[in-house]
Amino acid sequence: MDLQGEIKWIETALRESKDPTFVEAVKKMIQSMRKVKESLSSEQLREDALMAEAEEDIKEGRVYSIEEAHKIVDSWDL
């Protein structure tokens, strides 16, 4: 079955349902999926900003070699 067919099937099942618990469960599932999508979108924006910052640091020469990074980390009191 194609996507439009699946959607029609779901719509029919919801229209025919007399069970408020079933309808509420479907509603909550959709709301949950939307929250996940929003969360992923905001996480992607944050990651994009971090990548842009990193690219700017590289362009401006604000980088360390692996050896320098190891020395910095070794100097930390953990």
Protein backbone atom coordinates (compact mmCIF):
# COMPACT_ATOMS: atom_id res chain seq x y z
CA MET A 1 0.00 0.00 0.00
CA ASP A 2 1.31 3.46 -0.85
CA LEU A 3 1.57 6.34 1.60
CA GLN A 4 -1.71 7.95 0.54
CA GLY A 5 -3.43 4.60 0.89
CA GLU A 6 -1.99 4.18 4.39
CA ILE A 7 -3.19 7.67 5.37
CA LYS A 8 -6.69 6.96 4.06
CA TRP A 9 -6.76 3.69 5.99
CA ILE A 10 -5.76 5.47 9.21
CA GLU A 11 -8.30 8.24 8.64
CA THR A 12 -11.04 5.65 8.11
CA ALA A 13 -10.03 3.75 11.24
CA LEU A 14 -10.15 6.96 13.29
CA ARG A 15 -13.50 8.04 11.83
CA GLU A 16 -15.06 4.64 12.49
CA SER A 17 -13.61 4.28 15.99
CA LYS A 18 -15.99 4.64 18.89
CA ASP A 19 -13.17 4.11 21.40
CA PRO A 20 -11.97 7.41 22.92
CA THR A 21 -8.94 5.63 24.39
CA PHE A 22 -7.79 4.60 20.91
CA VAL A 23 -8.25 8.11 19.52
CA GLU A 24 -6.40 9.61 22.50
CA ALA A 25 -3.53 7.12 22.05
CA VAL A 26 -3.16 8.09 18.38
CA LYS A 27 -3.28 11.78 19.33
CA LYS A 28 -0.55 11.33 21.97
CA MET A 29 1.62 9.39 19.53
CA ILE A 30 1.37 12.22 16.99
CA GLN A 31 2.13 14.85 19.64
CA SER A 32 5.14 12.84 20.80
CA MET A 33 6.46 12.53 17.25
CA ARG A 34 6.11 16.30 16.77
CA LYS A 35 8.05 16.98 19.97
CA VAL A 36 10.85 14.68 18.82
CA LYS A 37 10.94 16.45 15.46
CA GLU A 38 11.10 19.87 17.14
CA SER A 39 13.84 18.65 19.45
CA LEU A 40 15.84 17.29 16.53
CA SER A 41 15.41 20.57 14.67
CA SER A 42 16.71 22.62 17.60
CA GLU A 43 19.56 20.15 18.12
CA GLN A 44 20.46 20.43 14.43
CA LEU A 45 20.49 24.24 14.69
CA ARG A 46 22.81 24.00 17.71
CA GLU A 47 25.13 21.61 15.87
CA ASP A 48 25.13 23.87 12.80
CA ALA A 49 26.14 26.84 14.97
CA LEU A 50 28.95 24.82 16.56
CA MET A 51 30.20 23.73 13.13
CA ALA A 52 30.17 27.33 11.88
CA GLU A 53 32.14 28.38 14.97
CA ALA A 54 34.65 25.57 14.43
CA GLU A 55 35.08 26.50 10.76
CA GLU A 56 35.72 30.12 11.77
CA ASP A 57 38.30 28.98 14.34
CA ILE A 58 40.08 26.93 11.66
CA LYS A 59 40.01 29.83 9.21
CA GLU A 60 41.47 32.18 11.84
CA GLY A 61 44.17 29.69 12.84
CA ARG A 62 42.76 29.01 16.30
CA VAL A 63 43.70 25.32 16.23
CA TYR A 64 46.04 22.94 18.03
CA SER A 65 48.01 20.01 16.73
CA ILE A 66 47.28 16.60 18.23
CA GLU A 67 50.52 16.81 20.21
CA GLU A 68 49.61 20.25 21.60
CA ALA A 69 46.13 19.03 22.51
CA HIS A 70 47.60 16.04 24.36
CA LYS A 71 49.93 18.33 26.33
CA ILE A 72 47.01 20.57 27.30
CA VAL A 73 44.89 17.64 28.43
CA ASP A 74 47.81 16.09 30.34
CA SER A 75 48.25 19.35 32.25
CA TRP A 76 44.67 19.23 33.61
CA ASP A 77 44.18 18.20 37.23
CA LEU A 78 41.43 15.62 37.07
